[in-house]
Amino acid sequence: FCHSNVINHFFCDIPALLVLSCSDINTNEIVLFTLAALTVL
């Protein structure tokens, strides 16, 4: 997290933190989508 430490949310939610990262978040998005999709489905 080197872009900013300001979370545009009222709690520490995953998508709100991902946009702050200067790392490659493709893996995170895949993991988030996969786990959420499997759980919901």
PDB file of all heavy atoms in Angstrom:
ATOM      1  N   PHE A   1       0.847  -1.192   0.000  1.00  0.00           N
ATOM      2  CA  PHE A   1       0.000   0.000   0.000  1.00  0.00           C
ATOM      3  C   PHE A   1       0.883   1.242   0.000  1.00  0.00           C
ATOM      4  O   PHE A   1       1.302   1.718   1.050  1.00  0.00           O
ATOM      5  CB  PHE A   1      -0.930   0.006   1.226  1.00  0.00           C
ATOM      6  CG  PHE A   1      -1.864  -1.169   1.277  1.00  0.00           C
ATOM      7  CD1 PHE A   1      -1.630  -2.227   2.144  1.00  0.00           C
ATOM      8  CD2 PHE A   1      -2.965  -1.230   0.443  1.00  0.00           C
ATOM      9  CE1 PHE A   1      -2.484  -3.313   2.194  1.00  0.00           C
ATOM     10  CE2 PHE A   1      -3.831  -2.316   0.477  1.00  0.00           C
ATOM     11  CZ  PHE A   1      -3.589  -3.361   1.359  1.00  0.00           C
ATOM     12  N   CYS A   2       1.162   1.735  -1.200  1.00  0.00           N
ATOM     13  CA  CYS A   2       2.062   2.881  -1.295  1.00  0.00           C
ATOM     14  C   CYS A   2       1.435   4.060  -2.039  1.00  0.00           C
ATOM     15  O   CYS A   2       2.030   5.122  -2.139  1.00  0.00           O
ATOM     16  CB  CYS A   2       3.371   2.486  -1.981  1.00  0.00           C
ATOM     17  SG  CYS A   2       3.152   1.665  -3.569  1.00  0.00           S
ATOM     18  N   HIS A   3       0.218   3.882  -2.562  1.00  0.00           N
ATOM     19  CA  HIS A   3      -0.442   4.985  -3.257  1.00  0.00           C
ATOM     20  C   HIS A   3      -1.054   5.965  -2.270  1.00  0.00           C
ATOM     21  O   HIS A   3      -0.854   7.166  -2.350  1.00  0.00           O
ATOM     22  CB  HIS A   3      -1.530   4.450  -4.194  1.00  0.00           C
ATOM     23  CG  HIS A   3      -0.986   3.793  -5.428  1.00  0.00           C
ATOM     24  ND1 HIS A   3      -1.732   2.943  -6.208  1.00  0.00           N
ATOM     25  CD2 HIS A   3       0.236   3.857  -6.007  1.00  0.00           C
ATOM     26  CE1 HIS A   3      -0.990   2.511  -7.226  1.00  0.00           C
ATOM     27  NE2 HIS A   3       0.206   3.048  -7.119  1.00  0.00           N
ATOM     28  N   SER A   4      -1.801   5.427  -1.332  1.00  0.00           N
ATOM     29  CA  SER A   4      -2.493   6.262  -0.351  1.00  0.00           C
ATOM     30  C   SER A   4      -2.934   5.376   0.803  1.00  0.00           C
ATOM     31  O   SER A   4      -2.973   4.148   0.673  1.00  0.00           O
ATOM     32  CB  SER A   4      -3.717   6.935  -0.993  1.00  0.00           C
ATOM     33  OG  SER A   4      -4.490   7.595  -0.019  1.00  0.00           O
ATOM     34  N   ASN A   5      -3.231   5.990   1.932  1.00  0.00           N
ATOM     35  CA  ASN A   5      -3.779   5.238   3.058  1.00  0.00           C
ATOM     36  C   ASN A   5      -5.211   5.680   3.364  1.00  0.00           C
ATOM     37  O   ASN A   5      -5.742   5.402   4.438  1.00  0.00           O
ATOM     38  CB  ASN A   5      -2.901   5.392   4.300  1.00  0.00           C
ATOM     39  CG  ASN A   5      -2.944   6.792   4.872  1.00  0.00           C
ATOM     40  OD1 ASN A   5      -3.221   7.765   4.156  1.00  0.00           O
ATOM     41  ND2 ASN A   5      -2.660   6.914   6.155  1.00  0.00           N
ATOM     42  N   VAL A   6      -5.824   6.388   2.414  1.00  0.00           N
ATOM     43  CA  VAL A   6      -7.193   6.879   2.591  1.00  0.00           C
ATOM     44  C   VAL A   6      -8.164   5.889   1.941  1.00  0.00           C
ATOM     45  O   VAL A   6      -8.164   5.715   0.718  1.00  0.00           O
ATOM     46  CB  VAL A   6      -7.376   8.284   1.981  1.00  0.00           C
ATOM     47  CG1 VAL A   6      -8.822   8.746   2.157  1.00  0.00           C
ATOM     48  CG2 VAL A   6      -6.413   9.267   2.619  1.00  0.00           C
ATOM     49  N   ILE A   7      -8.976   5.225   2.767  1.00  0.00           N
ATOM     50  CA  ILE A   7      -9.939   4.236   2.287  1.00  0.00           C
ATOM     51  C   ILE A   7     -11.273   4.927   2.020  1.00  0.00           C
ATOM     52  O   ILE A   7     -11.886   5.472   2.947  1.00  0.00           O
ATOM     53  CB  ILE A   7     -10.130   3.108   3.324  1.00  0.00           C
ATOM     54  CG1 ILE A   7      -8.785   2.411   3.600  1.00  0.00           C
ATOM     55  CG2 ILE A   7     -11.163   2.102   2.837  1.00  0.00           C
ATOM     56  CD1 ILE A   7      -8.861   1.366   4.696  1.00  0.00           C
ATOM     57  N   ASN A   8     -11.714   4.895   0.790  1.00  0.00           N
ATOM     58  CA  ASN A   8     -12.970   5.540   0.426  1.00  0.00           C
ATOM     59  C   ASN A   8     -14.150   4.631   0.774  1.00  0.00           C
ATOM     60  O   ASN A   8     -14.888   4.135  -0.080  1.00  0.00           O
ATOM     61  CB  ASN A   8     -12.982   5.875  -1.068  1.00  0.00           C
ATOM     62  CG  ASN A   8     -14.188   6.725  -1.452  1.00  0.00           C
ATOM     63  OD1 ASN A   8     -14.849   7.307  -0.592  1.00  0.00           O
ATOM     64  ND2 ASN A   8     -14.491   6.779  -2.739  1.00  0.00           N
ATOM     65  N   HIS A   9     -14.298   4.417   2.067  1.00  0.00           N
ATOM     66  CA  HIS A   9     -15.370   3.563   2.579  1.00  0.00           C
ATOM     67  C   HIS A   9     -15.530   3.862   4.062  1.00  0.00           C
ATOM     68  O   HIS A   9     -14.727   4.606   4.637  1.00  0.00           O
ATOM     69  CB  HIS A   9     -15.033   2.084   2.364  1.00  0.00           C
ATOM     70  CG  HIS A   9     -16.237   1.243   2.043  1.00  0.00           C
ATOM     71  ND1 HIS A   9     -17.424   1.336   2.740  1.00  0.00           N
ATOM     72  CD2 HIS A   9     -16.438   0.269   1.109  1.00  0.00           C
ATOM     73  CE1 HIS A   9     -18.296   0.477   2.237  1.00  0.00           C
ATOM     74  NE2 HIS A   9     -17.727  -0.187   1.239  1.00  0.00           N
ATOM     75  N   PHE A  10     -16.558   3.243   4.699  1.00  0.00           N
ATOM     76  CA  PHE A  10     -16.718   3.453   6.138  1.00  0.00           C
ATOM     77  C   PHE A  10     -16.188   2.277   6.958  1.00  0.00           C
ATOM     78  O   PHE A  10     -16.265   2.283   8.176  1.00  0.00           O
ATOM     79  CB  PHE A  10     -18.187   3.755   6.505  1.00  0.00           C
ATOM     80  CG  PHE A  10     -19.168   2.677   6.101  1.00  0.00           C
ATOM     81  CD1 PHE A  10     -19.410   1.594   6.933  1.00  0.00           C
ATOM     82  CD2 PHE A  10     -19.868   2.765   4.912  1.00  0.00           C
ATOM     83  CE1 PHE A  10     -20.320   0.608   6.581  1.00  0.00           C
ATOM     84  CE2 PHE A  10     -20.791   1.801   4.548  1.00  0.00           C
ATOM     85  CZ  PHE A  10     -21.017   0.712   5.383  1.00  0.00           C
ATOM     86  N   PHE A  11     -15.656   1.250   6.265  1.00  0.00           N
ATOM     87  CA  PHE A  11     -14.960   0.167   6.958  1.00  0.00           C
ATOM     88  C   PHE A  11     -13.944  -0.460   6.011  1.00  0.00           C
ATOM     89  O   PHE A  11     -13.905  -0.131   4.819  1.00  0.00           O
ATOM     90  CB  PHE A  11     -15.940  -0.876   7.506  1.00  0.00           C
ATOM     91  CG  PHE A  11     -16.572  -1.765   6.462  1.00  0.00           C
ATOM     92  CD1 PHE A  11     -16.152  -3.067   6.291  1.00  0.00           C
ATOM     93  CD2 PHE A  11     -17.620  -1.303   5.669  1.00  0.00           C
ATOM     94  CE1 PHE A  11     -16.742  -3.896   5.355  1.00  0.00           C
ATOM     95  CE2 PHE A  11     -18.232  -2.115   4.725  1.00  0.00           C
ATOM     96  CZ  PHE A  11     -17.785  -3.418   4.569  1.00  0.00           C
ATOM     97  N   CYS A  12     -13.123  -1.339   6.534  1.00  0.00           N
ATOM     98  CA  CYS A  12     -12.046  -1.937   5.742  1.00  0.00           C
ATOM     99  C   CYS A  12     -12.593  -3.085   4.895  1.00  0.00           C
ATOM    100  O   CYS A  12     -12.468  -4.268   5.254  1.00  0.00           O
ATOM    101  CB  CYS A  12     -10.930  -2.431   6.666  1.00  0.00           C
ATOM    102  SG  CYS A  12     -10.029  -1.110   7.493  1.00  0.00           S
ATOM    103  N   ASP A  13     -13.188  -2.740   3.779  1.00  0.00           N
ATOM    104  CA  ASP A  13     -13.725  -3.733   2.863  1.00  0.00           C
ATOM    105  C   ASP A  13     -12.670  -4.065   1.812  1.00  0.00           C
ATOM    106  O   ASP A  13     -11.799  -3.239   1.503  1.00  0.00           O
ATOM    107  CB  ASP A  13     -14.990  -3.192   2.201  1.00  0.00           C
ATOM    108  CG  ASP A  13     -15.855  -4.306   1.642  1.00  0.00           C
ATOM    109  OD1 ASP A  13     -15.587  -5.484   1.955  1.00  0.00           O
ATOM    110  OD2 ASP A  13     -16.817  -4.002   0.911  1.00  0.00           O
ATOM    111  N   ILE A  14     -12.757  -5.252   1.264  1.00  0.00           N
ATOM    112  CA  ILE A  14     -11.713  -5.731   0.357  1.00  0.00           C
ATOM    113  C   ILE A  14     -11.573  -4.873  -0.899  1.00  0.00           C
ATOM    114  O   ILE A  14     -10.460  -4.411  -1.215  1.00  0.00           O
ATOM    115  CB  ILE A  14     -11.959  -7.209  -0.024  1.00  0.00           C
ATOM    116  CG1 ILE A  14     -11.959  -8.072   1.233  1.00  0.00           C
ATOM    117  CG2 ILE A  14     -10.886  -7.703  -0.997  1.00  0.00           C
ATOM    118  CD1 ILE A  14     -12.442  -9.490   1.006  1.00  0.00           C
ATOM    119  N   PRO A  15     -12.648  -4.603  -1.667  1.00  0.00           N
ATOM    120  CA  PRO A  15     -12.487  -3.797  -2.883  1.00  0.00           C
ATOM    121  C   PRO A  15     -11.922  -2.408  -2.613  1.00  0.00           C
ATOM    122  O   PRO A  15     -11.142  -1.884  -3.419  1.00  0.00           O
ATOM    123  CB  PRO A  15     -13.925  -3.701  -3.430  1.00  0.00           C
ATOM    124  CG  PRO A  15     -14.624  -4.893  -2.880  1.00  0.00           C
ATOM    125  CD  PRO A  15     -14.046  -5.085  -1.516  1.00  0.00           C
ATOM    126  N   ALA A  16     -12.312  -1.810  -1.477  1.00  0.00           N
ATOM    127  CA  ALA A  16     -11.832  -0.466  -1.149  1.00  0.00           C
ATOM    128  C   ALA A  16     -10.333  -0.457  -0.882  1.00  0.00           C
ATOM    129  O   ALA A  16      -9.652   0.535  -1.168  1.00  0.00           O
ATOM    130  CB  ALA A  16     -12.588   0.065   0.074  1.00  0.00           C
ATOM    131  N   LEU A  17      -9.803  -1.555  -0.350  1.00  0.00           N
ATOM    132  CA  LEU A  17      -8.371  -1.644  -0.093  1.00  0.00           C
ATOM    133  C   LEU A  17      -7.585  -2.003  -1.350  1.00  0.00           C
ATOM    134  O   LEU A  17      -6.445  -1.559  -1.525  1.00  0.00           O
ATOM    135  CB  LEU A  17      -8.097  -2.673   1.009  1.00  0.00           C
ATOM    136  CG  LEU A  17      -8.219  -2.145   2.436  1.00  0.00           C
ATOM    137  CD1 LEU A  17      -8.306  -3.291   3.428  1.00  0.00           C
ATOM    138  CD2 LEU A  17      -7.042  -1.250   2.783  1.00  0.00           C
ATOM    139  N   LEU A  18      -8.183  -2.788  -2.223  1.00  0.00           N
ATOM    140  CA  LEU A  18      -7.473  -3.195  -3.437  1.00  0.00           C
ATOM    141  C   LEU A  18      -7.089  -1.992  -4.290  1.00  0.00           C
ATOM    142  O   LEU A  18      -6.019  -1.980  -4.914  1.00  0.00           O
ATOM    143  CB  LEU A  18      -8.337  -4.162  -4.265  1.00  0.00           C
ATOM    144  CG  LEU A  18      -8.576  -5.557  -3.673  1.00  0.00           C
ATOM    145  CD1 LEU A  18      -9.370  -6.410  -4.657  1.00  0.00           C
ATOM    146  CD2 LEU A  18      -7.260  -6.237  -3.311  1.00  0.00           C
ATOM    147  N   VAL A  19      -7.949  -0.972  -4.343  1.00  0.00           N
ATOM    148  CA  VAL A  19      -7.659   0.190  -5.186  1.00  0.00           C
ATOM    149  C   VAL A  19      -6.516   1.032  -4.628  1.00  0.00           C
ATOM    150  O   VAL A  19      -5.974   1.890  -5.338  1.00  0.00           O
ATOM    151  CB  VAL A  19      -8.915   1.080  -5.367  1.00  0.00           C
ATOM    152  CG1 VAL A  19     -10.031   0.298  -6.023  1.00  0.00           C
ATOM    153  CG2 VAL A  19      -9.383   1.663  -4.040  1.00  0.00           C
ATOM    154  N   LEU A  20      -6.127   0.804  -3.385  1.00  0.00           N
ATOM    155  CA  LEU A  20      -5.018   1.560  -2.782  1.00  0.00           C
ATOM    156  C   LEU A  20      -3.664   0.927  -3.066  1.00  0.00           C
ATOM    157  O   LEU A  20      -2.625   1.558  -2.839  1.00  0.00           O
ATOM    158  CB  LEU A  20      -5.195   1.655  -1.256  1.00  0.00           C
ATOM    159  CG  LEU A  20      -6.461   2.328  -0.730  1.00  0.00           C
ATOM    160  CD1 LEU A  20      -6.413   2.376   0.799  1.00  0.00           C
ATOM    161  CD2 LEU A  20      -6.611   3.731  -1.292  1.00  0.00           C
ATOM    162  N   SER A  21      -3.671  -0.300  -3.539  1.00  0.00           N
ATOM    163  CA  SER A  21      -2.410  -1.023  -3.689  1.00  0.00           C
ATOM    164  C   SER A  21      -1.668  -0.629  -4.961  1.00  0.00           C
ATOM    165  O   SER A  21      -2.269  -0.351  -5.999  1.00  0.00           O
ATOM    166  CB  SER A  21      -2.689  -2.526  -3.716  1.00  0.00           C
ATOM    167  OG  SER A  21      -1.496  -3.241  -3.940  1.00  0.00           O
ATOM    168  N   CYS A  22      -0.340  -0.602  -4.831  1.00  0.00           N
ATOM    169  CA  CYS A  22       0.499  -0.384  -6.004  1.00  0.00           C
ATOM    170  C   CYS A  22       1.047  -1.713  -6.526  1.00  0.00           C
ATOM    171  O   CYS A  22       1.878  -1.734  -7.420  1.00  0.00           O
ATOM    172  CB  CYS A  22       1.641   0.569  -5.680  1.00  0.00           C
ATOM    173  SG  CYS A  22       2.616   0.076  -4.248  1.00  0.00           S
ATOM    174  N   SER A  23       0.563  -2.828  -5.933  1.00  0.00           N
ATOM    175  CA  SER A  23       0.944  -4.155  -6.411  1.00  0.00           C
ATOM    176  C   SER A  23      -0.009  -4.584  -7.522  1.00  0.00           C
ATOM    177  O   SER A  23      -1.049  -3.948  -7.759  1.00  0.00           O
ATOM    178  CB  SER A  23       0.882  -5.168  -5.264  1.00  0.00           C
ATOM    179  OG  SER A  23       1.648  -4.758  -4.168  1.00  0.00           O
ATOM    180  N   ASP A  24       0.327  -5.673  -8.161  1.00  0.00           N
ATOM    181  CA  ASP A  24      -0.559  -6.272  -9.152  1.00  0.00           C
ATOM    182  C   ASP A  24      -1.689  -6.977  -8.400  1.00  0.00           C
ATOM    183  O   ASP A  24      -1.444  -7.907  -7.615  1.00  0.00           O
ATOM    184  CB  ASP A  24       0.217  -7.281  -9.994  1.00  0.00           C
ATOM    185  CG  ASP A  24      -0.628  -7.887 -11.107  1.00  0.00           C
ATOM    186  OD1 ASP A  24      -1.829  -7.541 -11.186  1.00  0.00           O
ATOM    187  OD2 ASP A  24      -0.104  -8.706 -11.874  1.00  0.00           O
ATOM    188  N   ILE A  25      -2.928  -6.532  -8.602  1.00  0.00           N
ATOM    189  CA  ILE A  25      -4.052  -7.084  -7.849  1.00  0.00           C
ATOM    190  C   ILE A  25      -4.867  -8.085  -8.661  1.00  0.00           C
ATOM    191  O   ILE A  25      -5.955  -8.488  -8.241  1.00  0.00           O
ATOM    192  CB  ILE A  25      -4.985  -5.958  -7.341  1.00  0.00           C
ATOM    193  CG1 ILE A  25      -5.589  -5.185  -8.522  1.00  0.00           C
ATOM    194  CG2 ILE A  25      -4.256  -5.037  -6.389  1.00  0.00           C
ATOM    195  CD1 ILE A  25      -6.671  -4.198  -8.109  1.00  0.00           C
ATOM    196  N   ASN A  26      -4.353  -8.494  -9.815  1.00  0.00           N
ATOM    197  CA  ASN A  26      -5.091  -9.451 -10.648  1.00  0.00           C
ATOM    198  C   ASN A  26      -5.370 -10.749  -9.901  1.00  0.00           C
ATOM    199  O   ASN A  26      -6.481 -11.293  -9.952  1.00  0.00           O
ATOM    200  CB  ASN A  26      -4.320  -9.756 -11.936  1.00  0.00           C
ATOM    201  CG  ASN A  26      -4.379  -8.601 -12.917  1.00  0.00           C
ATOM    202  OD1 ASN A  26      -5.334  -7.827 -12.923  1.00  0.00           O
ATOM    203  ND2 ASN A  26      -3.355  -8.466 -13.743  1.00  0.00           N
ATOM    204  N   THR A  27      -4.365 -11.247  -9.187  1.00  0.00           N
ATOM    205  CA  THR A  27      -4.540 -12.481  -8.418  1.00  0.00           C
ATOM    206  C   THR A  27      -5.581 -12.297  -7.333  1.00  0.00           C
ATOM    207  O   THR A  27      -6.431 -13.166  -7.110  1.00  0.00           O
ATOM    208  CB  THR A  27      -3.207 -12.925  -7.788  1.00  0.00           C
ATOM    209  OG1 THR A  27      -2.231 -13.127  -8.824  1.00  0.00           O
ATOM    210  CG2 THR A  27      -3.384 -14.216  -7.012  1.00  0.00           C
ATOM    211  N   ASN A  28      -5.524 -11.142  -6.664  1.00  0.00           N
ATOM    212  CA  ASN A  28      -6.502 -10.857  -5.615  1.00  0.00           C
ATOM    213  C   ASN A  28      -7.918 -10.818  -6.160  1.00  0.00           C
ATOM    214  O   ASN A  28      -8.856 -11.331  -5.535  1.00  0.00           O
ATOM    215  CB  ASN A  28      -6.178  -9.526  -4.934  1.00  0.00           C
ATOM    216  CG  ASN A  28      -4.884  -9.568  -4.159  1.00  0.00           C
ATOM    217  OD1 ASN A  28      -3.802  -9.602  -4.751  1.00  0.00           O
ATOM    218  ND2 ASN A  28      -4.983  -9.591  -2.847  1.00  0.00           N
ATOM    219  N   GLU A  29      -8.082 -10.186  -7.315  1.00  0.00           N
ATOM    220  CA  GLU A  29      -9.419 -10.113  -7.915  1.00  0.00           C
ATOM    221  C   GLU A  29      -9.928 -11.486  -8.303  1.00  0.00           C
ATOM    222  O   GLU A  29     -11.109 -11.788  -8.133  1.00  0.00           O
ATOM    223  CB  GLU A  29      -9.391  -9.195  -9.134  1.00  0.00           C
ATOM    224  CG  GLU A  29      -9.233  -7.724  -8.788  1.00  0.00           C
ATOM    225  CD  GLU A  29      -9.453  -6.825  -9.999  1.00  0.00           C
ATOM    226  OE1 GLU A  29      -9.134  -7.274 -11.120  1.00  0.00           O
ATOM    227  OE2 GLU A  29      -9.944  -5.705  -9.820  1.00  0.00           O
ATOM    228  N   ILE A  30      -9.012 -12.333  -8.814  1.00  0.00           N
ATOM    229  CA  ILE A  30      -9.406 -13.696  -9.192  1.00  0.00           C
ATOM    230  C   ILE A  30      -9.822 -14.481  -7.956  1.00  0.00           C
ATOM    231  O   ILE A  30     -10.847 -15.180  -7.954  1.00  0.00           O
ATOM    232  CB  ILE A  30      -8.253 -14.412  -9.928  1.00  0.00           C
ATOM    233  CG1 ILE A  30      -8.009 -13.753 -11.292  1.00  0.00           C
ATOM    234  CG2 ILE A  30      -8.562 -15.897 -10.102  1.00  0.00           C
ATOM    235  CD1 ILE A  30      -6.769 -14.251 -12.004  1.00  0.00           C
ATOM    236  N   VAL A  31      -9.026 -14.369  -6.876  1.00  0.00           N
ATOM    237  CA  VAL A  31      -9.339 -15.077  -5.629  1.00  0.00           C
ATOM    238  C   VAL A  31     -10.655 -14.573  -5.049  1.00  0.00           C
ATOM    239  O   VAL A  31     -11.515 -15.369  -4.635  1.00  0.00           O
ATOM    240  CB  VAL A  31      -8.198 -14.892  -4.602  1.00  0.00           C
ATOM    241  CG1 VAL A  31      -8.619 -15.409  -3.221  1.00  0.00           C
ATOM    242  CG2 VAL A  31      -6.939 -15.611  -5.068  1.00  0.00           C
ATOM    243  N   LEU A  32     -10.823 -13.244  -5.004  1.00  0.00           N
ATOM    244  CA  LEU A  32     -12.052 -12.655  -4.474  1.00  0.00           C
ATOM    245  C   LEU A  32     -13.264 -13.118  -5.272  1.00  0.00           C
ATOM    246  O   LEU A  32     -14.270 -13.563  -4.699  1.00  0.00           O
ATOM    247  CB  LEU A  32     -11.952 -11.127  -4.508  1.00  0.00           C
ATOM    248  CG  LEU A  32     -13.206 -10.348  -4.082  1.00  0.00           C
ATOM    249  CD1 LEU A  32     -13.563 -10.648  -2.635  1.00  0.00           C
ATOM    250  CD2 LEU A  32     -12.996  -8.850  -4.292  1.00  0.00           C
ATOM    251  N   PHE A  33     -13.174 -13.020  -6.595  1.00  0.00           N
ATOM    252  CA  PHE A  33     -14.291 -13.402  -7.453  1.00  0.00           C
ATOM    253  C   PHE A  33     -14.588 -14.894  -7.337  1.00  0.00           C
ATOM    254  O   PHE A  33     -15.752 -15.295  -7.211  1.00  0.00           O
ATOM    255  CB  PHE A  33     -13.977 -13.047  -8.915  1.00  0.00           C
ATOM    256  CG  PHE A  33     -15.093 -13.387  -9.871  1.00  0.00           C
ATOM    257  CD1 PHE A  33     -16.107 -12.479 -10.118  1.00  0.00           C
ATOM    258  CD2 PHE A  33     -15.127 -14.625 -10.505  1.00  0.00           C
ATOM    259  CE1 PHE A  33     -17.141 -12.800 -10.997  1.00  0.00           C
ATOM    260  CE2 PHE A  33     -16.150 -14.947 -11.378  1.00  0.00           C
ATOM    261  CZ  PHE A  33     -17.162 -14.026 -11.629  1.00  0.00           C
ATOM    262  N   THR A  34     -13.544 -15.721  -7.342  1.00  0.00           N
ATOM    263  CA  THR A  34     -13.726 -17.177  -7.311  1.00  0.00           C
ATOM    264  C   THR A  34     -14.375 -17.632  -6.015  1.00  0.00           C
ATOM    265  O   THR A  34     -15.363 -18.383  -6.023  1.00  0.00           O
ATOM    266  CB  THR A  34     -12.382 -17.897  -7.500  1.00  0.00           C
ATOM    267  OG1 THR A  34     -11.798 -17.494  -8.744  1.00  0.00           O
ATOM    268  CG2 THR A  34     -12.574 -19.405  -7.496  1.00  0.00           C
ATOM    269  N   LEU A  35     -13.828 -17.172  -4.878  1.00  0.00           N
ATOM    270  CA  LEU A  35     -14.375 -17.590  -3.587  1.00  0.00           C
ATOM    271  C   LEU A  35     -15.793 -17.066  -3.391  1.00  0.00           C
ATOM    272  O   LEU A  35     -16.669 -17.793  -2.912  1.00  0.00           O
ATOM    273  CB  LEU A  35     -13.471 -17.117  -2.444  1.00  0.00           C
ATOM    274  CG  LEU A  35     -12.105 -17.801  -2.335  1.00  0.00           C
ATOM    275  CD1 LEU A  35     -11.302 -17.202  -1.176  1.00  0.00           C
ATOM    276  CD2 LEU A  35     -12.275 -19.305  -2.131  1.00  0.00           C
ATOM    277  N   ALA A  36     -15.999 -15.801  -3.758  1.00  0.00           N
ATOM    278  CA  ALA A  36     -17.343 -15.232  -3.611  1.00  0.00           C
ATOM    279  C   ALA A  36     -18.337 -15.951  -4.523  1.00  0.00           C
ATOM    280  O   ALA A  36     -19.465 -16.268  -4.109  1.00  0.00           O
ATOM    281  CB  ALA A  36     -17.322 -13.740  -3.931  1.00  0.00           C
ATOM    282  N   ALA A  37     -17.920 -16.221  -5.751  1.00  0.00           N
ATOM    283  CA  ALA A  37     -18.806 -16.895  -6.709  1.00  0.00           C
ATOM    284  C   ALA A  37     -19.146 -18.307  -6.244  1.00  0.00           C
ATOM    285  O   ALA A  37     -20.313 -18.721  -6.296  1.00  0.00           O
ATOM    286  CB  ALA A  37     -18.156 -16.932  -8.090  1.00  0.00           C
ATOM    287  N   LEU A  38     -18.138 -19.045  -5.785  1.00  0.00           N
ATOM    288  CA  LEU A  38     -18.380 -20.412  -5.305  1.00  0.00           C
ATOM    289  C   LEU A  38     -19.316 -20.419  -4.103  1.00  0.00           C
ATOM    290  O   LEU A  38     -20.229 -21.248  -4.010  1.00  0.00           O
ATOM    291  CB  LEU A  38     -17.052 -21.092  -4.949  1.00  0.00           C
ATOM    292  CG  LEU A  38     -16.148 -21.476  -6.127  1.00  0.00           C
ATOM    293  CD1 LEU A  38     -14.819 -22.018  -5.619  1.00  0.00           C
ATOM    294  CD2 LEU A  38     -16.829 -22.507  -7.022  1.00  0.00           C
ATOM    295  N   THR A  39     -19.085 -19.476  -3.184  1.00  0.00           N
ATOM    296  CA  THR A  39     -19.932 -19.392  -1.991  1.00  0.00           C
ATOM    297  C   THR A  39     -21.371 -19.057  -2.358  1.00  0.00           C
ATOM    298  O   THR A  39     -22.318 -19.713  -1.910  1.00  0.00           O
ATOM    299  CB  THR A  39     -19.387 -18.326  -1.017  1.00  0.00           C
ATOM    300  OG1 THR A  39     -18.070 -18.703  -0.593  1.00  0.00           O
ATOM    301  CG2 THR A  39     -20.283 -18.178   0.203  1.00  0.00           C
ATOM    302  N   VAL A  40     -21.533 -18.023  -3.194  1.00  0.00           N
ATOM    303  CA  VAL A  40     -22.875 -17.589  -3.579  1.00  0.00           C
ATOM    304  C   VAL A  40     -23.589 -18.672  -4.391  1.00  0.00           C
ATOM    305  O   VAL A  40     -24.760 -18.984  -4.129  1.00  0.00           O
ATOM    306  CB  VAL A  40     -22.805 -16.274  -4.380  1.00  0.00           C
ATOM    307  CG1 VAL A  40     -24.155 -15.949  -5.000  1.00  0.00           C
ATOM    308  CG2 VAL A  40     -22.353 -15.128  -3.484  1.00  0.00           C
ATOM    309  N   LEU A  41     -22.898 -19.263  -5.349  1.00  0.00           N
ATOM    310  CA  LEU A  41     -23.526 -20.275  -6.196  1.00  0.00           C
ATOM    311  C   LEU A  41     -23.930 -21.504  -5.399  1.00  0.00           C
ATOM    312  O   LEU A  41     -25.036 -22.033  -5.568  1.00  0.00           O
ATOM    313  CB  LEU A  41     -22.584 -20.670  -7.342  1.00  0.00           C
ATOM    314  CG  LEU A  41     -22.357 -19.610  -8.427  1.00  0.00           C
ATOM    315  CD1 LEU A  41     -21.313 -20.087  -9.426  1.00  0.00           C
ATOM    316  CD2 LEU A  41     -23.665 -19.285  -9.145  1.00  0.00           C
TER     317      LEU A  41
END
